[in-house]
Amino acid sequence: MVLMIKLSLVLNVVILIPVCAGLLNGAPWVQSAFGADTPARSILMSVYMALLITSVGFLLFPNPNAVAVLLFVQVLYKAITPFAVGSWGHPVVLTNLFVIAIHTLTLMLIWTTMARQV
C-alpha cells in the first residue's frame, strides 16, 4: 500500500509540475491542450497547483486516509472529463484515464488495508 501511495503522489507531481509550469508561462502546447488564456484556464491552473502542493505535502507527511480523499476527488473529476470535453481522444482526457487507473488501484489498496484494521 505504501509503495502505491508514493507512486500515485509521485505521478501527480511528475504530471503537474510541467502542466503548471506550462500554464504559468503560456507554453505553446498549452493552447491546444487547455484552450485560450482565460480566467477559466487560470482557475484550472489554481486547482492543479493545489493538487501539486497537496501531493508534495503528502509525500513529506504521509497520511493514507487523507491521501485517499485526494485521490478519490481526482478520480471523480478525471472520470467526468471525457464527458465535459466531449472526446475520449483528447490528450488531457487520455492522461486522466491513465491516472484514474493508477489512483483507483491505490485507493483499493488503501481501503482494503484500512478494512482489515477495523
PDB file of N, CA and C in Angstrom:
ATOM      1  N   MET A   1       0.813  -1.189   0.000  1.00  0.00           N
ATOM      2  CA  MET A   1       0.000   0.000   0.000  1.00  0.00           C
ATOM      3  C   MET A   1       0.863   1.263   0.000  1.00  0.00           C
ATOM      4  N   VAL A   2       1.874   1.295   0.840  1.00  0.00           N
ATOM      5  CA  VAL A   2       2.722   2.477   0.955  1.00  0.00           C
ATOM      6  C   VAL A   2       3.405   2.780  -0.384  1.00  0.00           C
ATOM      7  N   LEU A   3       3.868   1.751  -1.072  1.00  0.00           N
ATOM      8  CA  LEU A   3       4.508   1.950  -2.374  1.00  0.00           C
ATOM      9  C   LEU A   3       3.538   2.561  -3.376  1.00  0.00           C
ATOM     10  N   MET A   4       2.304   2.072  -3.408  1.00  0.00           N
ATOM     11  CA  MET A   4       1.315   2.597  -4.350  1.00  0.00           C
ATOM     12  C   MET A   4       0.912   4.026  -3.991  1.00  0.00           C
ATOM     13  N   ILE A   5       0.849   4.339  -2.713  1.00  0.00           N
ATOM     14  CA  ILE A   5       0.556   5.719  -2.317  1.00  0.00           C
ATOM     15  C   ILE A   5       1.648   6.634  -2.851  1.00  0.00           C
ATOM     16  N   LYS A   6       2.898   6.227  -2.635  1.00  0.00           N
ATOM     17  CA  LYS A   6       4.011   7.041  -3.145  1.00  0.00           C
ATOM     18  C   LYS A   6       3.964   7.144  -4.661  1.00  0.00           C
ATOM     19  N   LEU A   7       3.657   6.040  -5.345  1.00  0.00           N
ATOM     20  CA  LEU A   7       3.576   6.056  -6.805  1.00  0.00           C
ATOM     21  C   LEU A   7       2.508   7.036  -7.280  1.00  0.00           C
ATOM     22  N   SER A   8       1.324   6.991  -6.672  1.00  0.00           N
ATOM     23  CA  SER A   8       0.249   7.903  -7.063  1.00  0.00           C
ATOM     24  C   SER A   8       0.643   9.362  -6.828  1.00  0.00           C
ATOM     25  N   LEU A   9       1.244   9.634  -5.693  1.00  0.00           N
ATOM     26  CA  LEU A   9       1.636  11.015  -5.386  1.00  0.00           C
ATOM     27  C   LEU A   9       2.762  11.491  -6.294  1.00  0.00           C
ATOM     28  N   VAL A  10       3.739  10.629  -6.552  1.00  0.00           N
ATOM     29  CA  VAL A  10       4.825  10.997  -7.470  1.00  0.00           C
ATOM     30  C   VAL A  10       4.277  11.205  -8.881  1.00  0.00           C
ATOM     31  N   LEU A  11       3.338  10.373  -9.292  1.00  0.00           N
ATOM     32  CA  LEU A  11       2.701  10.544 -10.603  1.00  0.00           C
ATOM     33  C   LEU A  11       2.045  11.924 -10.686  1.00  0.00           C
ATOM     34  N   ASN A  12       1.328  12.317  -9.634  1.00  0.00           N
ATOM     35  CA  ASN A  12       0.743  13.657  -9.611  1.00  0.00           C
ATOM     36  C   ASN A  12       1.814  14.723  -9.806  1.00  0.00           C
ATOM     37  N   VAL A  13       2.898  14.610  -9.061  1.00  0.00           N
ATOM     38  CA  VAL A  13       3.961  15.611  -9.112  1.00  0.00           C
ATOM     39  C   VAL A  13       4.604  15.641 -10.494  1.00  0.00           C
ATOM     40  N   VAL A  14       4.908  14.469 -11.044  1.00  0.00           N
ATOM     41  CA  VAL A  14       5.579  14.389 -12.349  1.00  0.00           C
ATOM     42  C   VAL A  14       4.705  14.976 -13.461  1.00  0.00           C
ATOM     43  N   ILE A  15       3.410  14.779 -13.365  1.00  0.00           N
ATOM     44  CA  ILE A  15       2.497  15.332 -14.375  1.00  0.00           C
ATOM     45  C   ILE A  15       2.240  16.816 -14.123  1.00  0.00           C
ATOM     46  N   LEU A  16       2.022  17.177 -12.860  1.00  0.00           N
ATOM     47  CA  LEU A  16       1.576  18.538 -12.561  1.00  0.00           C
ATOM     48  C   LEU A  16       2.670  19.590 -12.635  1.00  0.00           C
ATOM     49  N   ILE A  17       3.912  19.239 -12.388  1.00  0.00           N
ATOM     50  CA  ILE A  17       4.977  20.248 -12.494  1.00  0.00           C
ATOM     51  C   ILE A  17       5.043  20.822 -13.914  1.00  0.00           C
ATOM     52  N   PRO A  18       5.175  20.003 -14.955  1.00  0.00           N
ATOM     53  CA  PRO A  18       5.232  20.609 -16.299  1.00  0.00           C
ATOM     54  C   PRO A  18       3.910  21.242 -16.726  1.00  0.00           C
ATOM     55  N   VAL A  19       2.783  20.676 -16.298  1.00  0.00           N
ATOM     56  CA  VAL A  19       1.492  21.265 -16.664  1.00  0.00           C
ATOM     57  C   VAL A  19       1.348  22.643 -16.021  1.00  0.00           C
ATOM     58  N   CYS A  20       1.634  22.745 -14.730  1.00  0.00           N
ATOM     59  CA  CYS A  20       1.534  24.039 -14.053  1.00  0.00           C
ATOM     60  C   CYS A  20       2.543  25.037 -14.616  1.00  0.00           C
ATOM     61  N   ALA A  21       3.752  24.584 -14.870  1.00  0.00           N
ATOM     62  CA  ALA A  21       4.762  25.478 -15.458  1.00  0.00           C
ATOM     63  C   ALA A  21       4.312  25.968 -16.830  1.00  0.00           C
ATOM     64  N   GLY A  22       3.767  25.071 -17.628  1.00  0.00           N
ATOM     65  CA  GLY A  22       3.279  25.446 -18.949  1.00  0.00           C
ATOM     66  C   GLY A  22       2.129  26.429 -18.879  1.00  0.00           C
ATOM     67  N   LEU A  23       1.205  26.195 -17.958  1.00  0.00           N
ATOM     68  CA  LEU A  23       0.075  27.110 -17.783  1.00  0.00           C
ATOM     69  C   LEU A  23       0.549  28.478 -17.287  1.00  0.00           C
ATOM     70  N   LEU A  24       1.494  28.483 -16.366  1.00  0.00           N
ATOM     71  CA  LEU A  24       2.019  29.749 -15.837  1.00  0.00           C
ATOM     72  C   LEU A  24       2.774  30.549 -16.894  1.00  0.00           C
ATOM     73  N   ASN A  25       3.532  29.842 -17.721  1.00  0.00           N
ATOM     74  CA  ASN A  25       4.395  30.507 -18.709  1.00  0.00           C
ATOM     75  C   ASN A  25       3.761  30.641 -20.085  1.00  0.00           C
ATOM     76  N   GLY A  26       2.563  30.116 -20.261  1.00  0.00           N
ATOM     77  CA  GLY A  26       1.915  30.190 -21.568  1.00  0.00           C
ATOM     78  C   GLY A  26       2.665  29.419 -22.640  1.00  0.00           C
ATOM     79  N   ALA A  27       3.128  28.227 -22.304  1.00  0.00           N
ATOM     80  CA  ALA A  27       3.863  27.387 -23.258  1.00  0.00           C
ATOM     81  C   ALA A  27       3.021  27.139 -24.509  1.00  0.00           C
ATOM     82  N   PRO A  28       3.658  26.986 -25.656  1.00  0.00           N
ATOM     83  CA  PRO A  28       2.912  26.818 -26.913  1.00  0.00           C
ATOM     84  C   PRO A  28       1.913  25.659 -26.908  1.00  0.00           C
ATOM     85  N   TRP A  29       2.214  24.562 -26.257  1.00  0.00           N
ATOM     86  CA  TRP A  29       1.326  23.399 -26.246  1.00  0.00           C
ATOM     87  C   TRP A  29       0.091  23.606 -25.379  1.00  0.00           C
ATOM     88  N   VAL A  30       0.130  24.593 -24.491  1.00  0.00           N
ATOM     89  CA  VAL A  30      -0.974  24.818 -23.555  1.00  0.00           C
ATOM     90  C   VAL A  30      -2.254  25.212 -24.283  1.00  0.00           C
ATOM     91  N   GLN A  31      -2.136  26.037 -25.298  1.00  0.00           N
ATOM     92  CA  GLN A  31      -3.318  26.497 -26.044  1.00  0.00           C
ATOM     93  C   GLN A  31      -4.099  25.316 -26.620  1.00  0.00           C
ATOM     94  N   SER A  32      -3.390  24.364 -27.241  1.00  0.00           N
ATOM     95  CA  SER A  32      -4.100  23.231 -27.843  1.00  0.00           C
ATOM     96  C   SER A  32      -4.636  22.255 -26.800  1.00  0.00           C
ATOM     97  N   ALA A  33      -3.963  22.144 -25.663  1.00  0.00           N
ATOM     98  CA  ALA A  33      -4.407  21.200 -24.629  1.00  0.00           C
ATOM     99  C   ALA A  33      -5.493  21.778 -23.724  1.00  0.00           C
ATOM    100  N   PHE A  34      -5.369  23.072 -23.377  1.00  0.00           N
ATOM    101  CA  PHE A  34      -6.260  23.671 -22.380  1.00  0.00           C
ATOM    102  C   PHE A  34      -7.036  24.882 -22.878  1.00  0.00           C
ATOM    103  N   GLY A  35      -6.851  25.260 -24.122  1.00  0.00           N
ATOM    104  CA  GLY A  35      -7.604  26.380 -24.674  1.00  0.00           C
ATOM    105  C   GLY A  35      -6.936  27.721 -24.451  1.00  0.00           C
ATOM    106  N   ALA A  36      -7.658  28.754 -24.829  1.00  0.00           N
ATOM    107  CA  ALA A  36      -7.138  30.119 -24.758  1.00  0.00           C
ATOM    108  C   ALA A  36      -6.876  30.544 -23.316  1.00  0.00           C
ATOM    109  N   ASP A  37      -6.041  31.556 -23.182  1.00  0.00           N
ATOM    110  CA  ASP A  37      -5.717  32.107 -21.871  1.00  0.00           C
ATOM    111  C   ASP A  37      -6.914  32.923 -21.374  1.00  0.00           C
ATOM    112  N   THR A  38      -7.712  32.286 -20.527  1.00  0.00           N
ATOM    113  CA  THR A  38      -8.928  32.889 -19.994  1.00  0.00           C
ATOM    114  C   THR A  38      -8.919  32.758 -18.473  1.00  0.00           C
ATOM    115  N   PRO A  39      -9.831  33.448 -17.793  1.00  0.00           N
ATOM    116  CA  PRO A  39      -9.936  33.239 -16.345  1.00  0.00           C
ATOM    117  C   PRO A  39     -10.216  31.772 -15.994  1.00  0.00           C
ATOM    118  N   ALA A  40     -10.972  31.075 -16.834  1.00  0.00           N
ATOM    119  CA  ALA A  40     -11.263  29.658 -16.560  1.00  0.00           C
ATOM    120  C   ALA A  40      -9.978  28.831 -16.558  1.00  0.00           C
ATOM    121  N   ARG A  41      -9.082  29.107 -17.491  1.00  0.00           N
ATOM    122  CA  ARG A  41      -7.809  28.376 -17.528  1.00  0.00           C
ATOM    123  C   ARG A  41      -6.967  28.707 -16.303  1.00  0.00           C
ATOM    124  N   SER A  42      -7.028  29.937 -15.837  1.00  0.00           N
ATOM    125  CA  SER A  42      -6.293  30.321 -14.628  1.00  0.00           C
ATOM    126  C   SER A  42      -6.867  29.633 -13.397  1.00  0.00           C
ATOM    127  N   ILE A  43      -8.182  29.469 -13.361  1.00  0.00           N
ATOM    128  CA  ILE A  43      -8.812  28.746 -12.260  1.00  0.00           C
ATOM    129  C   ILE A  43      -8.369  27.289 -12.280  1.00  0.00           C
ATOM    130  N   LEU A  44      -8.336  26.685 -13.468  1.00  0.00           N
ATOM    131  CA  LEU A  44      -7.860  25.304 -13.597  1.00  0.00           C
ATOM    132  C   LEU A  44      -6.420  25.195 -13.113  1.00  0.00           C
ATOM    133  N   MET A  45      -5.582  26.173 -13.472  1.00  0.00           N
ATOM    134  CA  MET A  45      -4.195  26.156 -13.022  1.00  0.00           C
ATOM    135  C   MET A  45      -4.129  26.222 -11.500  1.00  0.00           C
ATOM    136  N   SER A  46      -5.006  26.998 -10.888  1.00  0.00           N
ATOM    137  CA  SER A  46      -5.039  27.089  -9.428  1.00  0.00           C
ATOM    138  C   SER A  46      -5.386  25.738  -8.798  1.00  0.00           C
ATOM    139  N   VAL A  47      -6.345  25.047  -9.395  1.00  0.00           N
ATOM    140  CA  VAL A  47      -6.715  23.715  -8.902  1.00  0.00           C
ATOM    141  C   VAL A  47      -5.530  22.762  -9.042  1.00  0.00           C
ATOM    142  N   TYR A  48      -4.872  22.796 -10.207  1.00  0.00           N
ATOM    143  CA  TYR A  48      -3.706  21.941 -10.420  1.00  0.00           C
ATOM    144  C   TYR A  48      -2.588  22.261  -9.425  1.00  0.00           C
ATOM    145  N   MET A  49      -2.375  23.544  -9.146  1.00  0.00           N
ATOM    146  CA  MET A  49      -1.343  23.926  -8.171  1.00  0.00           C
ATOM    147  C   MET A  49      -1.698  23.385  -6.780  1.00  0.00           C
ATOM    148  N   ALA A  50      -2.970  23.444  -6.414  1.00  0.00           N
ATOM    149  CA  ALA A  50      -3.401  22.915  -5.120  1.00  0.00           C
ATOM    150  C   ALA A  50      -3.150  21.407  -5.047  1.00  0.00           C
ATOM    151  N   LEU A  51      -3.452  20.688  -6.134  1.00  0.00           N
ATOM    152  CA  LEU A  51      -3.195  19.242  -6.172  1.00  0.00           C
ATOM    153  C   LEU A  51      -1.701  18.955  -6.071  1.00  0.00           C
ATOM    154  N   LEU A  52      -0.886  19.755  -6.752  1.00  0.00           N
ATOM    155  CA  LEU A  52       0.569  19.586  -6.717  1.00  0.00           C
ATOM    156  C   LEU A  52       1.101  19.816  -5.305  1.00  0.00           C
ATOM    157  N   ILE A  53       0.717  20.924  -4.689  1.00  0.00           N
ATOM    158  CA  ILE A  53       1.195  21.249  -3.347  1.00  0.00           C
ATOM    159  C   ILE A  53       0.746  20.189  -2.341  1.00  0.00           C
ATOM    160  N   THR A  54      -0.497  19.747  -2.460  1.00  0.00           N
ATOM    161  CA  THR A  54      -1.010  18.723  -1.558  1.00  0.00           C
ATOM    162  C   THR A  54      -0.275  17.399  -1.746  1.00  0.00           C
ATOM    163  N   SER A  55      -0.001  17.039  -2.996  1.00  0.00           N
ATOM    164  CA  SER A  55       0.729  15.794  -3.275  1.00  0.00           C
ATOM    165  C   SER A  55       2.129  15.834  -2.682  1.00  0.00           C
ATOM    166  N   VAL A  56       2.828  16.955  -2.835  1.00  0.00           N
ATOM    167  CA  VAL A  56       4.167  17.101  -2.249  1.00  0.00           C
ATOM    168  C   VAL A  56       4.070  17.020  -0.726  1.00  0.00           C
ATOM    169  N   GLY A  57       3.071  17.674  -0.175  1.00  0.00           N
ATOM    170  CA  GLY A  57       2.886  17.622   1.280  1.00  0.00           C
ATOM    171  C   GLY A  57       2.675  16.207   1.785  1.00  0.00           C
ATOM    172  N   PHE A  58       1.858  15.425   1.068  1.00  0.00           N
ATOM    173  CA  PHE A  58       1.611  14.050   1.489  1.00  0.00           C
ATOM    174  C   PHE A  58       2.822  13.143   1.251  1.00  0.00           C
ATOM    175  N   LEU A  59       3.669  13.484   0.304  1.00  0.00           N
ATOM    176  CA  LEU A  59       4.922  12.729   0.150  1.00  0.00           C
ATOM    177  C   LEU A  59       5.819  12.962   1.364  1.00  0.00           C
ATOM    178  N   LEU A  60       5.807  14.186   1.870  1.00  0.00           N
ATOM    179  CA  LEU A  60       6.640  14.520   3.023  1.00  0.00           C
ATOM    180  C   LEU A  60       6.016  14.044   4.340  1.00  0.00           C
ATOM    181  N   PHE A  61       4.689  14.132   4.422  1.00  0.00           N
ATOM    182  CA  PHE A  61       3.961  13.769   5.637  1.00  0.00           C
ATOM    183  C   PHE A  61       2.795  12.848   5.262  1.00  0.00           C
ATOM    184  N   PRO A  62       3.082  11.566   5.020  1.00  0.00           N
ATOM    185  CA  PRO A  62       2.043  10.650   4.533  1.00  0.00           C
ATOM    186  C   PRO A  62       0.942  10.407   5.562  1.00  0.00           C
ATOM    187  N   ASN A  63      -0.266  10.354   5.041  1.00  0.00           N
ATOM    188  CA  ASN A  63      -1.444  10.018   5.844  1.00  0.00           C
ATOM    189  C   ASN A  63      -2.405   9.302   4.898  1.00  0.00           C
ATOM    190  N   PRO A  64      -2.448   7.968   4.955  1.00  0.00           N
ATOM    191  CA  PRO A  64      -3.250   7.211   3.990  1.00  0.00           C
ATOM    192  C   PRO A  64      -4.708   7.649   3.881  1.00  0.00           C
ATOM    193  N   ASN A  65      -5.336   7.997   5.007  1.00  0.00           N
ATOM    194  CA  ASN A  65      -6.733   8.424   4.949  1.00  0.00           C
ATOM    195  C   ASN A  65      -6.873   9.726   4.163  1.00  0.00           C
ATOM    196  N   ALA A  66      -5.997  10.665   4.411  1.00  0.00           N
ATOM    197  CA  ALA A  66      -6.049  11.947   3.706  1.00  0.00           C
ATOM    198  C   ALA A  66      -5.690  11.768   2.234  1.00  0.00           C
ATOM    199  N   VAL A  67      -4.701  10.931   1.957  1.00  0.00           N
ATOM    200  CA  VAL A  67      -4.329  10.656   0.558  1.00  0.00           C
ATOM    201  C   VAL A  67      -5.511  10.041  -0.178  1.00  0.00           C
ATOM    202  N   ALA A  68      -6.248   9.165   0.491  1.00  0.00           N
ATOM    203  CA  ALA A  68      -7.413   8.533  -0.140  1.00  0.00           C
ATOM    204  C   ALA A  68      -8.436   9.583  -0.566  1.00  0.00           C
ATOM    205  N   VAL A  69      -8.640  10.594   0.255  1.00  0.00           N
ATOM    206  CA  VAL A  69      -9.590  11.651  -0.104  1.00  0.00           C
ATOM    207  C   VAL A  69      -9.093  12.403  -1.340  1.00  0.00           C
ATOM    208  N   LEU A  70      -7.821  12.776  -1.349  1.00  0.00           N
ATOM    209  CA  LEU A  70      -7.248  13.469  -2.504  1.00  0.00           C
ATOM    210  C   LEU A  70      -7.413  12.641  -3.772  1.00  0.00           C
ATOM    211  N   LEU A  71      -7.031  11.377  -3.715  1.00  0.00           N
ATOM    212  CA  LEU A  71      -7.098  10.520  -4.903  1.00  0.00           C
ATOM    213  C   LEU A  71      -8.532  10.283  -5.350  1.00  0.00           C
ATOM    214  N   PHE A  72      -9.448  10.134  -4.395  1.00  0.00           N
ATOM    215  CA  PHE A  72     -10.854   9.915  -4.740  1.00  0.00           C
ATOM    216  C   PHE A  72     -11.428  11.124  -5.482  1.00  0.00           C
ATOM    217  N   VAL A  73     -11.131  12.310  -5.000  1.00  0.00           N
ATOM    218  CA  VAL A  73     -11.598  13.526  -5.684  1.00  0.00           C
ATOM    219  C   VAL A  73     -10.998  13.595  -7.085  1.00  0.00           C
ATOM    220  N   GLN A  74      -9.737  13.256  -7.220  1.00  0.00           N
ATOM    221  CA  GLN A  74      -9.105  13.262  -8.534  1.00  0.00           C
ATOM    222  C   GLN A  74      -9.760  12.250  -9.477  1.00  0.00           C
ATOM    223  N   VAL A  75     -10.008  11.059  -8.982  1.00  0.00           N
ATOM    224  CA  VAL A  75     -10.645  10.042  -9.821  1.00  0.00           C
ATOM    225  C   VAL A  75     -12.012  10.534 -10.286  1.00  0.00           C
ATOM    226  N   LEU A  76     -12.765  11.144  -9.391  1.00  0.00           N
ATOM    227  CA  LEU A  76     -14.092  11.636  -9.765  1.00  0.00           C
ATOM    228  C   LEU A  76     -14.019  12.704 -10.852  1.00  0.00           C
ATOM    229  N   TYR A  77     -13.200  13.726 -10.644  1.00  0.00           N
ATOM    230  CA  TYR A  77     -13.187  14.801 -11.643  1.00  0.00           C
ATOM    231  C   TYR A  77     -12.564  14.331 -12.951  1.00  0.00           C
ATOM    232  N   LYS A  78     -11.592  13.462 -12.880  1.00  0.00           N
ATOM    233  CA  LYS A  78     -10.980  12.954 -14.113  1.00  0.00           C
ATOM    234  C   LYS A  78     -11.942  12.051 -14.880  1.00  0.00           C
ATOM    235  N   ALA A  79     -12.795  11.330 -14.167  1.00  0.00           N
ATOM    236  CA  ALA A  79     -13.785  10.471 -14.828  1.00  0.00           C
ATOM    237  C   ALA A  79     -14.858  11.303 -15.531  1.00  0.00           C
ATOM    238  N   ILE A  80     -15.116  12.486 -15.033  1.00  0.00           N
ATOM    239  CA  ILE A  80     -16.101  13.380 -15.653  1.00  0.00           C
ATOM    240  C   ILE A  80     -15.529  14.072 -16.894  1.00  0.00           C
ATOM    241  N   THR A  81     -14.219  14.223 -16.952  1.00  0.00           N
ATOM    242  CA  THR A  81     -13.563  14.995 -18.012  1.00  0.00           C
ATOM    243  C   THR A  81     -13.939  14.590 -19.434  1.00  0.00           C
ATOM    244  N   PRO A  82     -13.943  13.300 -19.805  1.00  0.00           N
ATOM    245  CA  PRO A  82     -14.275  12.983 -21.206  1.00  0.00           C
ATOM    246  C   PRO A  82     -15.685  13.430 -21.592  1.00  0.00           C
ATOM    247  N   PHE A  83     -16.591  13.403 -20.635  1.00  0.00           N
ATOM    248  CA  PHE A  83     -17.963  13.833 -20.914  1.00  0.00           C
ATOM    249  C   PHE A  83     -18.036  15.355 -21.036  1.00  0.00           C
ATOM    250  N   ALA A  84     -17.278  16.043 -20.198  1.00  0.00           N
ATOM    251  CA  ALA A  84     -17.253  17.502 -20.255  1.00  0.00           C
ATOM    252  C   ALA A  84     -16.577  17.994 -21.536  1.00  0.00           C
ATOM    253  N   VAL A  85     -15.516  17.307 -21.941  1.00  0.00           N
ATOM    254  CA  VAL A  85     -14.765  17.691 -23.144  1.00  0.00           C
ATOM    255  C   VAL A  85     -15.488  17.219 -24.404  1.00  0.00           C
ATOM    256  N   GLY A  86     -16.217  16.117 -24.285  1.00  0.00           N
ATOM    257  CA  GLY A  86     -16.909  15.557 -25.444  1.00  0.00           C
ATOM    258  C   GLY A  86     -16.008  14.731 -26.327  1.00  0.00           C
ATOM    259  N   SER A  87     -14.909  14.238 -25.752  1.00  0.00           N
ATOM    260  CA  SER A  87     -13.956  13.439 -26.521  1.00  0.00           C
ATOM    261  C   SER A  87     -13.209  12.492 -25.592  1.00  0.00           C
ATOM    262  N   TRP A  88     -13.010  11.276 -26.081  1.00  0.00           N
ATOM    263  CA  TRP A  88     -12.191  10.297 -25.355  1.00  0.00           C
ATOM    264  C   TRP A  88     -10.767  10.286 -25.879  1.00  0.00           C
ATOM    265  N   GLY A  89     -10.496  11.017 -26.968  1.00  0.00           N
ATOM    266  CA  GLY A  89      -9.175  11.002 -27.579  1.00  0.00           C
ATOM    267  C   GLY A  89      -8.340  12.234 -27.299  1.00  0.00           C
ATOM    268  N   HIS A  90      -8.877  13.195 -26.570  1.00  0.00           N
ATOM    269  CA  HIS A  90      -8.134  14.416 -26.235  1.00  0.00           C
ATOM    270  C   HIS A  90      -6.938  14.041 -25.352  1.00  0.00           C
ATOM    271  N   PRO A  91      -5.771  14.662 -25.564  1.00  0.00           N
ATOM    272  CA  PRO A  91      -4.575  14.291 -24.784  1.00  0.00           C
ATOM    273  C   PRO A  91      -4.757  14.418 -23.265  1.00  0.00           C
ATOM    274  N   VAL A  92      -5.461  15.432 -22.813  1.00  0.00           N
ATOM    275  CA  VAL A  92      -5.687  15.577 -21.375  1.00  0.00           C
ATOM    276  C   VAL A  92      -6.594  14.455 -20.871  1.00  0.00           C
ATOM    277  N   VAL A  93      -7.607  14.109 -21.641  1.00  0.00           N
ATOM    278  CA  VAL A  93      -8.509  13.008 -21.268  1.00  0.00           C
ATOM    279  C   VAL A  93      -7.741  11.699 -21.196  1.00  0.00           C
ATOM    280  N   LEU A  94      -6.903  11.433 -22.175  1.00  0.00           N
ATOM    281  CA  LEU A  94      -6.125  10.188 -22.178  1.00  0.00           C
ATOM    282  C   LEU A  94      -5.199  10.117 -20.972  1.00  0.00           C
ATOM    283  N   THR A  95      -4.565  11.218 -20.647  1.00  0.00           N
ATOM    284  CA  THR A  95      -3.704  11.256 -19.460  1.00  0.00           C
ATOM    285  C   THR A  95      -4.539  11.012 -18.208  1.00  0.00           C
ATOM    286  N   ASN A  96      -5.710  11.638 -18.150  1.00  0.00           N
ATOM    287  CA  ASN A  96      -6.586  11.452 -16.992  1.00  0.00           C
ATOM    288  C   ASN A  96      -7.008   9.995 -16.829  1.00  0.00           C
ATOM    289  N   LEU A  97      -7.293   9.322 -17.927  1.00  0.00           N
ATOM    290  CA  LEU A  97      -7.694   7.916 -17.852  1.00  0.00           C
ATOM    291  C   LEU A  97      -6.565   7.050 -17.299  1.00  0.00           C
ATOM    292  N   PHE A  98      -5.339   7.333 -17.691  1.00  0.00           N
ATOM    293  CA  PHE A  98      -4.183   6.620 -17.159  1.00  0.00           C
ATOM    294  C   PHE A  98      -4.056   6.861 -15.653  1.00  0.00           C
ATOM    295  N   VAL A  99      -4.183   8.116 -15.255  1.00  0.00           N
ATOM    296  CA  VAL A  99      -4.079   8.460 -13.832  1.00  0.00           C
ATOM    297  C   VAL A  99      -5.202   7.804 -13.030  1.00  0.00           C
ATOM    298  N   ILE A 100      -6.409   7.771 -13.595  1.00  0.00           N
ATOM    299  CA  ILE A 100      -7.533   7.101 -12.924  1.00  0.00           C
ATOM    300  C   ILE A 100      -7.178   5.652 -12.609  1.00  0.00           C
ATOM    301  N   ALA A 101      -6.574   4.961 -13.555  1.00  0.00           N
ATOM    302  CA  ALA A 101      -6.222   3.549 -13.350  1.00  0.00           C
ATOM    303  C   ALA A 101      -5.261   3.385 -12.173  1.00  0.00           C
ATOM    304  N   ILE A 102      -4.237   4.213 -12.122  1.00  0.00           N
ATOM    305  CA  ILE A 102      -3.243   4.114 -11.042  1.00  0.00           C
ATOM    306  C   ILE A 102      -3.876   4.495  -9.705  1.00  0.00           C
ATOM    307  N   HIS A 103      -4.587   5.615  -9.681  1.00  0.00           N
ATOM    308  CA  HIS A 103      -5.177   6.085  -8.427  1.00  0.00           C
ATOM    309  C   HIS A 103      -6.257   5.122  -7.911  1.00  0.00           C
ATOM    310  N   THR A 104      -7.002   4.509  -8.814  1.00  0.00           N
ATOM    311  CA  THR A 104      -8.027   3.544  -8.390  1.00  0.00           C
ATOM    312  C   THR A 104      -7.377   2.333  -7.731  1.00  0.00           C
ATOM    313  N   LEU A 105      -6.284   1.857  -8.296  1.00  0.00           N
ATOM    314  CA  LEU A 105      -5.559   0.743  -7.681  1.00  0.00           C
ATOM    315  C   LEU A 105      -5.060   1.136  -6.297  1.00  0.00           C
ATOM    316  N   THR A 106      -4.505   2.327  -6.186  1.00  0.00           N
ATOM    317  CA  THR A 106      -4.030   2.803  -4.883  1.00  0.00           C
ATOM    318  C   THR A 106      -5.182   2.889  -3.881  1.00  0.00           C
ATOM    319  N   LEU A 107      -6.316   3.437  -4.330  1.00  0.00           N
ATOM    320  CA  LEU A 107      -7.477   3.534  -3.441  1.00  0.00           C
ATOM    321  C   LEU A 107      -7.946   2.163  -2.983  1.00  0.00           C
ATOM    322  N   MET A 108      -7.970   1.202  -3.870  1.00  0.00           N
ATOM    323  CA  MET A 108      -8.381  -0.160  -3.499  1.00  0.00           C
ATOM    324  C   MET A 108      -7.460  -0.723  -2.427  1.00  0.00           C
ATOM    325  N   LEU A 109      -6.160  -0.492  -2.576  1.00  0.00           N
ATOM    326  CA  LEU A 109      -5.199  -0.985  -1.587  1.00  0.00           C
ATOM    327  C   LEU A 109      -5.362  -0.275  -0.243  1.00  0.00           C
ATOM    328  N   ILE A 110      -5.572   1.039  -0.281  1.00  0.00           N
ATOM    329  CA  ILE A 110      -5.784   1.781   0.969  1.00  0.00           C
ATOM    330  C   ILE A 110      -7.033   1.259   1.663  1.00  0.00           C
ATOM    331  N   TRP A 111      -8.125   1.148   0.920  1.00  0.00           N
ATOM    332  CA  TRP A 111      -9.393   0.744   1.524  1.00  0.00           C
ATOM    333  C   TRP A 111      -9.349  -0.688   2.055  1.00  0.00           C
ATOM    334  N   THR A 112      -8.722  -1.605   1.315  1.00  0.00           N
ATOM    335  CA  THR A 112      -8.662  -2.987   1.824  1.00  0.00           C
ATOM    336  C   THR A 112      -7.761  -3.079   3.052  1.00  0.00           C
ATOM    337  N   THR A 113      -6.691  -2.310   3.064  1.00  0.00           N
ATOM    338  CA  THR A 113      -5.802  -2.298   4.228  1.00  0.00           C
ATOM    339  C   THR A 113      -6.523  -1.714   5.430  1.00  0.00           C
ATOM    340  N   MET A 114      -7.238  -0.624   5.228  1.00  0.00           N
ATOM    341  CA  MET A 114      -7.971   0.004   6.330  1.00  0.00           C
ATOM    342  C   MET A 114      -9.099  -0.905   6.818  1.00  0.00           C
ATOM    343  N   ALA A 115      -9.757  -1.607   5.922  1.00  0.00           N
ATOM    344  CA  ALA A 115     -10.850  -2.512   6.304  1.00  0.00           C
ATOM    345  C   ALA A 115     -10.334  -3.651   7.185  1.00  0.00           C
ATOM    346  N   ARG A 116      -9.116  -4.116   6.896  1.00  0.00           N
ATOM    347  CA  ARG A 116      -8.533  -5.192   7.706  1.00  0.00           C
ATOM    348  C   ARG A 116      -8.203  -4.722   9.120  1.00  0.00           C
ATOM    349  N   GLN A 117      -7.958  -3.431   9.272  1.00  0.00           N
ATOM    350  CA  GLN A 117      -7.571  -2.881  10.580  1.00  0.00           C
ATOM    351  C   GLN A 117      -8.772  -2.623  11.474  1.00  0.00           C
ATOM    352  N   VAL A 118      -9.963  -2.653  10.904  1.00  0.00           N
ATOM    353  CA  VAL A 118     -11.169  -2.349  11.697  1.00  0.00           C
ATOM    354  C   VAL A 118     -11.628  -3.587  12.441  1.00  0.00           C
TER     355      VAL A 118
END
